[in-house]
Amino acid sequence: MASDGGRKQFWKRSGAKVPGSIQHVYGAQHPPFDPLLHGTLVKPGSKPPTTPVKLKKVSTFQEFESNTSDAWDLGDDDDELLAIAAENLNTEVVMETAHKVIQNHSKLQEQHKFQEEHQQEEKQVESAELTSIACGDNRLVKSVSEGHTSSSSDNASENSSMQRSQSLPQTSTPPMVSGVADFSTSVTPALTEREASRLDKFKQLLAGPNTNLEELRKLSWSGIPKRVRPIAWKLLSGYLPANVDRRESTLQRKRKEYFAFVEQYYDSRNDESHQDTYRQIHIDIPRMSPEVLRLQPKVTEIFERILFIWAIRHPASGYVQGINDLVTPFFVVFVCEYIEEEEVENFDVSSLPEEVLQNIEADSYWCMSKLLDGIQDNYTFAQPGIQKKVKMLEELVSRIDEQVHVHLDQHEVKYLQFAFRWMNNLLMREVPLRCTIRLWDTYQSEPEGFSHFHLYVCAAFLVRWRKEILEEKDFQELLIFLQNLPTVHWGNEEISVLLAEAYRLKFAFADAPNHYKK
C-alpha cells in the first residue's frame, strides 16, 4: 500500500496535477471546482435511478438463444437485439445467454487468428521454396518455424512497450477506414455481404414517408453503416423529424437560427465578461483528437464558434472543459456526408464549399446541444451529475467484481482519479475516435444512453482490465495504467464485446437497487 509521502513525492517529481483535480471553467461566473477537495455530493442514503423491468413472461433459454446466438458473429446477419428489445426477459436467461455470446465471440476470434497464422505460414513456406530454387543455396533460406517464433517474440515485445509508452490525453489514433461502414479494422467477403444487407435494411427503413424511430433504434443498436450514419444520427438525436417532407424545411430553419446566434453573440467573445470562457475554449481545442484534424485553422474556427455560442446560450453551466470533445464525433460524421473516398483525418476541410461547411457547423451544434440536454447536470456548477455517476460506478463495481474493487481500495486509488474523465468525456479520451463513433451508434439507440447506459459501459470497461489491475501492486503504476489504457488498436470487435457485457450488466442490475448497497 502506498504511503501519503510516496504519493506526494511522485506527483511532485512528475510536476503534474493530482488526477481528479482538473480545473474547469464555467463561463465567467463560476470558480474552478475540484471534485477531490469538495468530496461527493451524493448523500449516503440516496438511491441511484433505476430502470424497472416488467416481466410479462419468462422466456426459455432455448428461445432466447435462438434469437441471439449469432449476435456478434462476424459472418452472419446482425440483428442481435431486435428480439431482445421486443420482449422482457428473465434476468438469469439474459445473463447466461450474454455469457454464451461473449464466449462464442472469443472462440471465433481464436479461429480467425489460427486461420490467419496458418495462411501466413503457407505463404512463408512457398516464398522460402521459391527463394531456395532461385538461389540454389539452402543456407539462405530461414526455417519457417524459426522465423515465426522470432516474429512472435518481437511483436510481443513491441506490444508490451507500446502499452507502457502511450501518453495522455490520447492523440495518436489509427486513421478511420474510408468507405467501410462501422470503421472495421478488417474487411472480409462475408463482412462485406453482411454490411451490404444491413445497409439495405437501413435504406428501406429511411425510404418511407415517415421513419419508424423505434425500428431505427433497434436496427442502429448494433452499429450504423457509414453511408447512412449522418441521417440516422440526426434522426436519433431528435434534430430531424421522422416525416420526410418536413426535413428539408427543418434543416434550413435550424441552420439559419444557428447563424443568427453567431451574428448576435460571437462578437461578444472580446468582452471582458466572456474573456475567460473564450480563452479556455481556445486552449482546449488544440487538445482534441484526431491530431491532423485539430491542426487545421478552419476546424479550429468552427469549433470555437460552436462552443462559444453554446456557452453563452447555457449560462447555468457555461463552458466546461470536456465539452469540446463532444463536438468531434458529430463533426467527423457530418463531414463524411459530403466526401466519399477521403479519410477525414487527412482531409483538408477548408476545401469544402463554404455553404457545406456552414451546414456541417450548424448540424454539429444542434446535435451536440441535444446530447448535452440529456446530461446537463454533468456540467452545471460542481458537476453533480458526474459526482453521482462516479459514486454509482464505484458501488456497481463493488458488486460486479469485489476483488477488483478491494484491490483499488487497498492501494488507495480513488475512482474519481480515473473515472471522472470517463464520465466527463464519455470515454472519448480512453478509446480511438472510430470506437467512440461506434459507441455513440448504440448510445443514441438506448433510452438515456449517454447517461444511464454509459454507467454500465464504464463498469464493463473497468472490469475488462481486471487481470492487469490485479497484477499491479503499486499505487503509482496502477494509477498510470488506469489513465493510460492500451486501447489504441481497438476496433469494432472490442467495442461489440464491451457493449454485450454492458448490456448484460444493465439487465442484471438496473432493476435491482439493492445491488448498489453494501
Protein backbone atom coordinates (compact mmCIF):
# COMPACT_ATOMS: atom_id res chain seq x y z
CA MET A 1 0.00 0.00 0.00
CA ALA A 2 1.44 3.39 -0.99
CA SER A 3 2.10 5.90 1.78
CA ASP A 4 0.90 9.52 1.62
CA GLY A 5 4.53 10.67 1.45
CA GLY A 6 5.25 8.36 -1.51
CA ARG A 7 2.31 9.64 -3.50
CA LYS A 8 3.15 13.30 -2.81
CA GLN A 9 6.74 12.75 -3.90
CA PHE A 10 5.52 11.02 -7.10
CA TRP A 11 3.25 13.92 -8.13
CA LYS A 12 5.89 16.47 -7.07
CA ARG A 13 8.57 14.74 -9.20
CA SER A 14 6.31 14.50 -12.23
CA GLY A 15 5.19 18.12 -11.99
CA ALA A 16 1.64 17.01 -12.80
CA LYS A 17 -1.60 17.71 -11.01
CA VAL A 18 -3.12 15.01 -8.91
CA PRO A 19 -5.63 13.15 -11.14
CA GLY A 20 -9.11 14.37 -10.38
CA SER A 21 -8.01 17.96 -9.67
CA ILE A 22 -8.93 19.18 -13.18
CA GLN A 23 -9.59 22.92 -13.36
CA HIS A 24 -12.90 23.71 -15.05
CA VAL A 25 -14.22 26.96 -16.50
CA TYR A 26 -17.91 27.73 -16.04
CA GLY A 27 -18.29 30.76 -18.27
CA ALA A 28 -17.08 33.78 -16.35
CA GLN A 29 -19.26 33.25 -13.33
CA HIS A 30 -18.16 30.05 -11.56
CA PRO A 31 -14.85 29.40 -9.80
CA PRO A 32 -12.91 26.22 -10.67
CA PHE A 33 -14.14 23.09 -8.90
CA ASP A 34 -12.01 20.23 -7.60
CA PRO A 35 -14.05 17.03 -7.08
CA LEU A 36 -11.49 15.52 -4.68
CA LEU A 37 -11.38 18.62 -2.44
CA HIS A 38 -15.13 19.08 -2.30
CA GLY A 39 -15.95 15.39 -1.92
CA THR A 40 -19.02 13.71 -3.29
CA LEU A 41 -22.37 15.41 -3.47
CA VAL A 42 -24.26 12.13 -3.26
CA LYS A 43 -25.98 11.56 0.03
CA PRO A 44 -25.20 8.18 1.63
CA GLY A 45 -28.84 7.23 1.77
CA SER A 46 -29.78 8.24 -1.76
CA LYS A 47 -30.56 5.62 -4.36
CA PRO A 48 -29.45 5.83 -7.97
CA PRO A 49 -32.03 5.93 -10.72
CA THR A 50 -33.23 2.54 -11.79
CA THR A 51 -34.94 1.21 -14.86
CA PRO A 52 -37.72 -1.13 -13.77
CA VAL A 53 -38.25 -4.18 -15.93
CA LYS A 54 -41.71 -5.72 -16.01
CA LEU A 55 -41.58 -9.43 -16.57
CA LYS A 56 -44.60 -10.18 -18.72
CA LYS A 57 -43.44 -13.69 -19.37
CA VAL A 58 -40.45 -15.92 -18.77
CA SER A 59 -38.70 -16.98 -21.95
CA THR A 60 -36.86 -20.25 -22.13
CA PHE A 61 -33.13 -20.26 -22.65
CA GLN A 62 -33.54 -22.08 -25.97
CA GLU A 63 -35.95 -19.43 -27.31
CA PHE A 64 -33.70 -16.58 -26.30
CA GLU A 65 -30.54 -18.33 -27.52
CA SER A 66 -32.06 -18.94 -30.95
CA ASN A 67 -32.58 -15.18 -31.30
CA THR A 68 -29.18 -14.05 -30.05
CA SER A 69 -26.65 -16.83 -30.63
CA ASP A 70 -25.29 -15.02 -33.69
CA ALA A 71 -25.37 -11.58 -32.07
CA TRP A 72 -21.73 -10.76 -32.61
CA ASP A 73 -20.94 -13.35 -35.27
CA LEU A 74 -18.98 -11.53 -37.98
CA GLY A 75 -20.23 -13.88 -40.66
CA ASP A 76 -23.98 -13.80 -40.02
CA ASP A 77 -26.73 -11.25 -40.18
CA ASP A 78 -26.51 -8.74 -37.32
CA ASP A 79 -29.98 -8.27 -35.84
CA GLU A 80 -28.90 -9.33 -32.38
CA LEU A 81 -31.07 -7.09 -30.27
CA LEU A 82 -34.27 -6.86 -32.25
CA ALA A 83 -35.80 -9.77 -30.39
CA ILE A 84 -34.26 -8.71 -27.07
CA ALA A 85 -35.68 -5.21 -27.22
CA ALA A 86 -39.10 -6.52 -28.20
CA GLU A 87 -39.74 -8.64 -25.14
CA ASN A 88 -38.91 -8.59 -21.45
CA LEU A 89 -36.73 -11.44 -20.37
CA ASN A 90 -35.86 -13.35 -17.28
CA THR A 91 -32.62 -11.94 -15.77
CA GLU A 92 -30.92 -15.31 -15.39
CA VAL A 93 -31.70 -16.16 -19.01
CA VAL A 94 -30.19 -12.87 -20.23
CA MET A 95 -27.04 -13.27 -18.13
CA GLU A 96 -26.49 -16.86 -19.23
CA THR A 97 -27.01 -16.04 -22.89
CA ALA A 98 -24.80 -12.94 -22.78
CA HIS A 99 -22.03 -15.08 -21.34
CA LYS A 100 -22.53 -17.50 -24.21
CA VAL A 101 -22.37 -14.69 -26.78
CA ILE A 102 -19.07 -13.45 -25.40
CA GLN A 103 -17.64 -16.97 -25.22
CA ASN A 104 -18.67 -17.66 -28.83
CA HIS A 105 -17.09 -14.40 -29.91
CA SER A 106 -13.81 -15.36 -28.19
CA LYS A 107 -13.82 -18.74 -29.92
CA LEU A 108 -14.41 -17.06 -33.28
CA GLN A 109 -11.51 -14.71 -32.68
CA GLU A 110 -9.25 -17.67 -31.88
CA GLN A 111 -10.39 -19.48 -35.05
CA HIS A 112 -9.76 -16.40 -37.21
CA LYS A 113 -6.35 -15.94 -35.62
CA PHE A 114 -5.45 -19.60 -36.24
CA GLN A 115 -6.58 -19.38 -39.88
CA GLU A 116 -4.56 -16.21 -40.46
CA GLU A 117 -1.45 -17.75 -38.90
CA HIS A 118 -1.90 -20.91 -40.99
CA GLN A 119 -2.23 -18.90 -44.20
CA GLN A 120 0.80 -16.82 -43.27
CA GLU A 121 2.86 -19.97 -42.66
CA GLU A 122 1.83 -21.38 -46.06
CA LYS A 123 2.90 -18.17 -47.78
CA GLN A 124 6.21 -18.22 -45.94
CA VAL A 125 6.83 -21.83 -46.96
CA GLU A 126 6.03 -21.05 -50.58
CA SER A 127 8.26 -17.98 -50.52
CA ALA A 128 11.08 -19.96 -48.90
CA GLU A 129 10.86 -22.69 -51.56
CA LEU A 130 10.98 -20.14 -54.37
CA THR A 131 13.97 -18.43 -52.80
CA SER A 132 15.76 -21.75 -52.41
CA ILE A 133 15.21 -22.64 -56.07
CA ALA A 134 16.28 -19.23 -57.32
CA CYS A 135 19.42 -19.03 -55.20
CA GLY A 136 20.38 -22.70 -55.34
CA ASP A 137 21.63 -22.39 -51.78
CA ASN A 138 19.59 -23.78 -48.91
CA ARG A 139 21.70 -21.89 -46.42
CA LEU A 140 19.98 -18.67 -47.49
CA VAL A 141 16.54 -19.98 -46.50
CA LYS A 142 15.48 -19.40 -42.92
CA SER A 143 13.19 -22.04 -41.46
CA VAL A 144 9.54 -21.07 -41.21
CA SER A 145 9.23 -22.07 -37.57
CA GLU A 146 12.29 -20.06 -36.61
CA GLY A 147 11.03 -17.00 -38.46
CA HIS A 148 7.57 -17.32 -36.92
CA THR A 149 8.94 -17.66 -33.40
CA SER A 150 11.20 -14.67 -33.85
CA SER A 151 8.38 -12.57 -35.27
CA SER A 152 6.01 -13.51 -32.44
CA SER A 153 8.65 -12.62 -29.86
CA ASP A 154 9.36 -9.26 -31.48
CA ASN A 155 5.65 -8.43 -31.71
CA ALA A 156 5.08 -9.32 -28.07
CA SER A 157 7.98 -7.06 -27.08
CA GLU A 158 6.67 -4.21 -29.23
CA ASN A 159 3.13 -4.55 -27.86
CA SER A 160 4.38 -4.55 -24.28
CA SER A 161 6.49 -1.48 -24.93
CA MET A 162 3.63 0.31 -26.68
CA GLN A 163 1.22 -0.29 -23.81
CA ARG A 164 3.64 1.33 -21.36
CA SER A 165 4.61 4.27 -23.56
CA GLN A 166 1.18 5.62 -24.54
CA SER A 167 0.65 9.21 -23.40
CA LEU A 168 -2.40 11.04 -22.09
CA PRO A 169 -4.51 12.54 -23.33
CA GLN A 170 -4.57 10.06 -26.18
CA THR A 171 -3.97 11.79 -29.51
CA SER A 172 -2.45 9.09 -31.66
CA THR A 173 -5.19 7.00 -33.17
CA PRO A 174 -5.16 4.93 -36.31
CA PRO A 175 -6.89 6.61 -39.24
CA MET A 176 -10.51 5.81 -39.90
CA VAL A 177 -11.11 3.43 -42.74
CA SER A 178 -12.80 5.22 -45.62
CA GLY A 179 -15.69 3.51 -47.35
CA VAL A 180 -16.15 0.85 -44.64
CA ALA A 181 -19.40 1.13 -42.72
CA ASP A 182 -18.62 0.96 -38.94
CA PHE A 183 -14.88 1.60 -39.33
CA SER A 184 -13.96 -2.08 -39.25
CA THR A 185 -10.31 -2.97 -38.85
CA SER A 186 -10.52 -5.75 -41.45
CA VAL A 187 -12.75 -6.49 -44.39
CA THR A 188 -13.71 -9.99 -45.48
CA PRO A 189 -16.15 -11.09 -48.19
CA ALA A 190 -18.58 -12.31 -45.51
CA LEU A 191 -18.43 -8.96 -43.69
CA THR A 192 -18.98 -7.10 -46.93
CA GLU A 193 -22.12 -9.14 -47.66
CA ARG A 194 -23.37 -8.59 -44.14
CA GLU A 195 -22.78 -4.86 -44.31
CA ALA A 196 -24.50 -4.70 -47.71
CA SER A 197 -27.50 -6.50 -46.23
CA ARG A 198 -27.63 -4.15 -43.24
CA LEU A 199 -27.27 -1.11 -45.47
CA ASP A 200 -30.29 -2.26 -47.50
CA LYS A 201 -32.33 -2.58 -44.29
CA PHE A 202 -31.43 0.97 -43.29
CA LYS A 203 -32.23 2.33 -46.74
CA GLN A 204 -35.63 0.62 -46.76
CA LEU A 205 -36.41 1.98 -43.30
CA LEU A 206 -35.33 5.52 -44.22
CA ALA A 207 -37.11 5.49 -47.62
CA GLY A 208 -40.64 5.67 -46.25
CA PRO A 209 -42.61 8.91 -45.83
CA ASN A 210 -42.35 8.55 -42.04
CA THR A 211 -39.35 6.82 -40.48
CA ASN A 212 -40.24 4.47 -37.65
CA LEU A 213 -37.83 5.75 -35.00
CA GLU A 214 -38.33 2.75 -32.73
CA GLU A 215 -37.33 0.40 -35.53
CA LEU A 216 -34.40 2.67 -36.38
CA ARG A 217 -33.16 2.46 -32.78
CA LYS A 218 -33.38 -1.34 -32.79
CA LEU A 219 -31.52 -1.57 -36.07
CA SER A 220 -28.91 1.01 -35.05
CA TRP A 221 -28.04 -0.61 -31.71
CA SER A 222 -25.50 -2.94 -33.30
CA GLY A 223 -23.91 -0.24 -35.47
CA ILE A 224 -24.88 2.06 -38.32
CA PRO A 225 -23.30 1.80 -41.80
CA LYS A 226 -21.12 4.79 -42.54
CA ARG A 227 -23.12 5.80 -45.60
CA VAL A 228 -26.37 6.36 -43.67
CA ARG A 229 -24.88 7.35 -40.30
CA PRO A 230 -25.29 11.16 -40.79
CA ILE A 231 -29.04 10.98 -41.43
CA ALA A 232 -29.51 8.29 -38.78
CA TRP A 233 -27.74 10.35 -36.11
CA LYS A 234 -29.81 13.43 -36.95
CA LEU A 235 -33.00 11.40 -36.58
CA LEU A 236 -31.94 9.55 -33.42
CA SER A 237 -30.81 12.73 -31.68
CA GLY A 238 -34.18 14.39 -32.33
CA TYR A 239 -32.68 17.07 -34.57
CA LEU A 240 -34.68 15.98 -37.62
CA PRO A 241 -38.37 14.97 -37.70
CA ALA A 242 -39.47 11.49 -38.72
CA ASN A 243 -41.57 12.94 -41.54
CA VAL A 244 -39.52 13.11 -44.73
CA ASP A 245 -41.41 16.09 -46.17
CA ARG A 246 -40.57 18.26 -43.16
CA ARG A 247 -36.84 17.53 -43.01
CA GLU A 248 -35.53 19.99 -45.59
CA SER A 249 -37.51 22.91 -44.15
CA THR A 250 -36.37 21.94 -40.64
CA LEU A 251 -32.72 21.90 -41.71
CA GLN A 252 -32.99 25.31 -43.38
CA ARG A 253 -34.75 26.85 -40.37
CA LYS A 254 -32.34 25.44 -37.75
CA ARG A 255 -29.25 26.38 -39.77
CA LYS A 256 -30.48 29.97 -40.16
CA GLU A 257 -31.27 30.06 -36.46
CA TYR A 258 -27.75 28.97 -35.52
CA PHE A 259 -26.05 31.60 -37.66
CA ALA A 260 -28.41 34.23 -36.25
CA PHE A 261 -26.94 33.28 -32.84
CA VAL A 262 -23.45 33.63 -34.27
CA GLU A 263 -24.22 37.10 -35.60
CA GLN A 264 -25.82 38.12 -32.33
CA TYR A 265 -23.35 36.70 -29.80
CA TYR A 266 -19.98 35.82 -31.32
CA ASP A 267 -18.54 39.35 -31.30
CA SER A 268 -19.07 39.43 -27.53
CA ARG A 269 -16.16 36.98 -27.12
CA ASN A 270 -13.99 40.10 -26.89
CA ASP A 271 -15.99 41.47 -23.95
CA GLU A 272 -14.23 41.36 -20.62
CA SER A 273 -17.02 39.28 -19.06
CA HIS A 274 -16.51 36.49 -21.62
CA GLN A 275 -12.73 36.55 -21.88
CA ASP A 276 -12.19 33.61 -19.50
CA THR A 277 -14.65 31.44 -21.42
CA TYR A 278 -13.23 32.20 -24.84
CA ARG A 279 -9.63 31.84 -23.65
CA GLN A 280 -10.33 28.38 -22.18
CA ILE A 281 -12.07 27.24 -25.38
CA HIS A 282 -9.09 28.46 -27.39
CA ILE A 283 -6.75 26.45 -25.13
CA ASP A 284 -8.81 23.25 -25.18
CA ILE A 285 -9.43 22.88 -28.92
CA PRO A 286 -5.79 22.04 -29.80
CA ARG A 287 -6.01 19.17 -27.30
CA MET A 288 -8.75 17.35 -29.14
CA SER A 289 -8.29 14.25 -31.29
CA PRO A 290 -7.51 13.43 -34.09
CA GLU A 291 -4.30 15.47 -34.29
CA VAL A 292 -4.28 16.14 -38.05
CA LEU A 293 -7.84 17.44 -37.95
CA ARG A 294 -7.34 19.72 -34.96
CA LEU A 295 -4.36 21.48 -36.55
CA GLN A 296 -6.47 22.83 -39.40
CA PRO A 297 -7.27 26.53 -38.85
CA LYS A 298 -10.72 26.14 -40.40
CA VAL A 299 -11.63 23.39 -37.94
CA THR A 300 -10.42 25.49 -35.00
CA GLU A 301 -12.53 28.42 -36.20
CA ILE A 302 -15.67 26.25 -36.47
CA PHE A 303 -15.19 24.61 -33.07
CA GLU A 304 -14.59 27.97 -31.35
CA ARG A 305 -17.88 29.32 -32.68
CA ILE A 306 -19.87 26.21 -31.75
CA LEU A 307 -18.54 26.06 -28.19
CA PHE A 308 -18.75 29.78 -27.50
CA ILE A 309 -22.35 30.06 -28.75
CA TRP A 310 -23.34 27.04 -26.67
CA ALA A 311 -21.72 28.50 -23.53
CA ILE A 312 -23.41 31.88 -23.98
CA ARG A 313 -26.81 30.27 -24.50
CA HIS A 314 -26.42 27.97 -21.47
CA PRO A 315 -25.41 30.28 -18.62
CA ALA A 316 -26.32 27.72 -15.95
CA SER A 317 -23.21 25.78 -16.87
CA GLY A 318 -21.23 27.91 -19.29
CA TYR A 319 -18.27 26.23 -20.91
CA VAL A 320 -16.68 23.30 -19.07
CA GLN A 321 -13.51 21.54 -20.13
CA GLY A 322 -14.52 18.32 -21.86
CA ILE A 323 -17.44 19.71 -23.80
CA ASN A 324 -15.04 20.41 -26.67
CA ASP A 325 -14.56 16.65 -27.15
CA LEU A 326 -18.29 16.12 -27.60
CA VAL A 327 -18.36 18.15 -30.82
CA THR A 328 -15.78 15.99 -32.61
CA PRO A 329 -17.82 12.83 -33.38
CA PHE A 330 -20.69 14.85 -34.82
CA PHE A 331 -18.33 16.99 -36.89
CA VAL A 332 -16.47 13.98 -38.31
CA VAL A 333 -19.68 12.06 -39.13
CA PHE A 334 -21.26 15.05 -40.84
CA VAL A 335 -18.11 15.75 -42.88
CA CYS A 336 -18.37 12.15 -44.15
CA GLU A 337 -21.79 13.08 -45.58
CA TYR A 338 -20.06 15.23 -48.19
CA ILE A 339 -16.94 13.23 -49.05
CA GLU A 340 -16.57 9.76 -50.50
CA GLU A 341 -13.10 8.24 -50.54
CA GLU A 342 -11.05 10.59 -48.40
CA GLU A 343 -10.12 9.75 -44.84
CA VAL A 344 -11.41 12.51 -42.59
CA GLU A 345 -8.19 12.85 -40.59
CA ASN A 346 -6.20 13.57 -43.75
CA PHE A 347 -8.90 15.57 -45.49
CA ASP A 348 -8.49 19.32 -45.94
CA VAL A 349 -11.76 20.59 -44.52
CA SER A 350 -11.21 24.06 -45.99
CA SER A 351 -11.50 22.55 -49.50
CA LEU A 352 -15.24 22.06 -48.97
CA PRO A 353 -17.58 24.80 -50.25
CA GLU A 354 -18.45 27.46 -47.67
CA GLU A 355 -22.14 26.51 -47.76
CA VAL A 356 -21.28 22.89 -46.95
CA LEU A 357 -19.04 23.97 -44.07
CA GLN A 358 -21.86 26.07 -42.67
CA ASN A 359 -24.25 23.13 -42.86
CA ILE A 360 -21.77 20.88 -41.03
CA GLU A 361 -21.18 23.53 -38.36
CA ALA A 362 -24.86 24.16 -37.67
CA ASP A 363 -25.79 20.47 -37.67
CA SER A 364 -22.92 19.70 -35.25
CA TYR A 365 -24.04 22.48 -32.92
CA TRP A 366 -27.66 21.34 -32.73
CA CYS A 367 -26.85 17.64 -32.31
CA MET A 368 -24.30 18.38 -29.60
CA SER A 369 -26.91 20.55 -27.87
CA LYS A 370 -29.41 17.69 -27.97
CA LEU A 371 -26.84 15.37 -26.41
CA LEU A 372 -25.98 17.84 -23.64
CA ASP A 373 -29.65 18.40 -22.86
CA GLY A 374 -29.74 14.83 -21.54
CA ILE A 375 -26.65 15.18 -19.33
CA GLN A 376 -26.91 18.84 -18.35
CA ASP A 377 -26.17 18.18 -14.66
CA ASN A 378 -22.75 16.84 -15.69
CA TYR A 379 -21.68 20.39 -16.50
CA THR A 380 -23.50 22.66 -14.06
CA PHE A 381 -21.62 24.12 -11.09
CA ALA A 382 -19.70 21.42 -9.13
CA GLN A 383 -20.77 18.91 -11.82
CA PRO A 384 -23.18 16.95 -9.56
CA GLY A 385 -24.13 14.56 -12.38
CA ILE A 386 -20.55 13.32 -12.72
CA GLN A 387 -20.12 13.19 -8.94
CA LYS A 388 -23.17 10.93 -8.66
CA LYS A 389 -22.23 8.72 -11.61
CA VAL A 390 -18.71 8.10 -10.31
CA LYS A 391 -20.16 7.10 -6.95
CA MET A 392 -22.66 4.79 -8.68
CA LEU A 393 -19.83 3.25 -10.72
CA GLU A 394 -17.85 2.54 -7.55
CA GLU A 395 -20.79 0.84 -5.88
CA LEU A 396 -21.68 -1.09 -9.04
CA VAL A 397 -18.13 -2.42 -9.48
CA SER A 398 -18.05 -3.48 -5.83
CA ARG A 399 -20.99 -5.81 -6.61
CA ILE A 400 -19.81 -6.93 -10.05
CA ASP A 401 -16.19 -7.69 -9.17
CA GLU A 402 -15.44 -7.32 -5.48
CA GLN A 403 -11.82 -8.41 -5.95
CA VAL A 404 -11.06 -5.53 -8.32
CA HIS A 405 -12.87 -3.07 -6.06
CA VAL A 406 -10.97 -4.21 -2.95
CA HIS A 407 -7.65 -4.11 -4.84
CA LEU A 408 -8.21 -0.47 -5.83
CA ASP A 409 -9.24 0.38 -2.28
CA GLN A 410 -6.22 -1.34 -0.73
CA HIS A 411 -3.88 0.67 -2.95
CA GLU A 412 -5.80 3.88 -2.17
CA VAL A 413 -6.78 4.52 -5.78
CA LYS A 414 -9.92 6.64 -5.82
CA TYR A 415 -12.47 6.22 -8.60
CA LEU A 416 -12.55 9.99 -9.11
CA GLN A 417 -8.89 9.85 -10.10
CA PHE A 418 -9.63 7.92 -13.29
CA ALA A 419 -13.42 7.67 -13.76
CA PHE A 420 -14.09 11.41 -13.54
CA ARG A 421 -12.77 11.77 -17.08
CA TRP A 422 -14.70 8.68 -18.22
CA MET A 423 -17.93 10.47 -17.31
CA ASN A 424 -16.84 13.98 -18.28
CA ASN A 425 -15.61 12.96 -21.76
CA LEU A 426 -17.84 9.89 -22.30
CA LEU A 427 -14.75 7.63 -22.68
CA MET A 428 -13.56 9.67 -25.67
CA ARG A 429 -10.05 10.01 -24.20
CA GLU A 430 -9.88 6.28 -23.46
CA VAL A 431 -10.66 4.78 -26.90
CA PRO A 432 -9.89 5.78 -30.54
CA LEU A 433 -12.33 8.09 -32.30
CA ARG A 434 -13.64 5.29 -34.55
CA CYS A 435 -14.62 3.38 -31.39
CA THR A 436 -16.34 6.44 -29.93
CA ILE A 437 -18.43 6.81 -33.09
CA ARG A 438 -19.42 3.14 -32.88
CA LEU A 439 -20.30 3.55 -29.19
CA TRP A 440 -22.48 6.54 -30.00
CA ASP A 441 -24.46 4.49 -32.51
CA THR A 442 -25.61 2.43 -29.54
CA TYR A 443 -25.87 5.32 -27.06
CA GLN A 444 -28.31 7.11 -29.37
CA SER A 445 -30.31 3.89 -29.69
CA GLU A 446 -30.60 3.31 -25.93
CA PRO A 447 -33.01 5.13 -23.62
CA GLU A 448 -30.78 7.54 -21.67
CA GLY A 449 -27.80 6.07 -23.49
CA PHE A 450 -25.35 8.88 -22.71
CA SER A 451 -26.22 8.85 -19.02
CA HIS A 452 -27.70 5.62 -17.68
CA PHE A 453 -26.32 3.04 -20.16
CA HIS A 454 -22.92 4.77 -20.16
CA LEU A 455 -22.59 3.78 -16.49
CA TYR A 456 -22.73 0.09 -17.37
CA VAL A 457 -20.31 0.56 -20.27
CA CYS A 458 -17.82 2.16 -17.85
CA ALA A 459 -18.28 -0.74 -15.39
CA ALA A 460 -17.68 -3.29 -18.14
CA PHE A 461 -14.71 -1.24 -19.36
CA LEU A 462 -13.05 -1.27 -15.93
CA VAL A 463 -13.62 -4.98 -15.31
CA ARG A 464 -12.25 -5.66 -18.81
CA TRP A 465 -8.79 -4.89 -17.37
CA ARG A 466 -9.15 -6.93 -14.15
CA LYS A 467 -6.11 -9.13 -14.87
CA GLU A 468 -3.82 -6.16 -15.43
CA ILE A 469 -5.28 -4.29 -12.46
CA LEU A 470 -4.79 -7.18 -10.05
CA GLU A 471 -1.20 -7.66 -11.22
CA GLU A 472 -0.25 -4.09 -10.32
CA LYS A 473 0.87 -3.85 -6.69
CA ASP A 474 1.96 -0.21 -6.63
CA PHE A 475 -0.21 2.91 -6.34
CA GLN A 476 1.73 4.85 -8.94
CA GLU A 477 1.85 2.07 -11.54
CA LEU A 478 -1.82 1.22 -11.00
CA LEU A 479 -2.97 4.80 -11.46
CA ILE A 480 -0.75 5.34 -14.50
CA PHE A 481 -2.20 2.18 -16.10
CA LEU A 482 -5.82 3.23 -15.46
CA GLN A 483 -5.12 6.62 -17.03
CA ASN A 484 -3.26 5.14 -19.99
CA LEU A 485 -5.20 2.04 -21.03
CA PRO A 486 -3.84 0.19 -24.12
CA THR A 487 -6.79 0.69 -26.48
CA VAL A 488 -5.06 2.41 -29.40
CA HIS A 489 -5.66 -0.58 -31.71
CA TRP A 490 -9.25 -1.23 -30.62
CA GLY A 491 -11.90 -1.66 -33.29
CA ASN A 492 -15.45 -2.92 -33.76
CA GLU A 493 -14.82 -6.37 -32.27
CA GLU A 494 -13.63 -5.00 -28.92
CA ILE A 495 -16.47 -2.48 -28.78
CA SER A 496 -19.05 -5.18 -29.61
CA VAL A 497 -17.88 -7.35 -26.71
CA LEU A 498 -17.81 -4.33 -24.39
CA LEU A 499 -21.39 -3.42 -25.32
CA ALA A 500 -22.51 -7.03 -24.90
CA GLU A 501 -21.13 -7.10 -21.36
CA ALA A 502 -22.62 -3.68 -20.56
CA TYR A 503 -26.00 -4.88 -21.83
CA ARG A 504 -25.80 -7.95 -19.59
CA LEU A 505 -24.90 -5.81 -16.57
CA LYS A 506 -27.79 -3.45 -17.26
CA PHE A 507 -30.30 -6.31 -17.22
CA ALA A 508 -28.73 -7.83 -14.13
CA PHE A 509 -28.50 -4.65 -12.04
CA ALA A 510 -30.83 -1.96 -13.40
CA ASP A 511 -33.91 -3.44 -11.72
CA ALA A 512 -32.09 -4.39 -8.51
CA PRO A 513 -31.40 -1.26 -6.41
CA ASN A 514 -30.12 -3.40 -3.54
CA HIS A 515 -27.17 -4.31 -5.72
CA TYR A 516 -25.91 -0.78 -5.26
CA LYS A 517 -25.90 -1.11 -1.48
CA LYS A 518 -23.13 -2.53 0.61
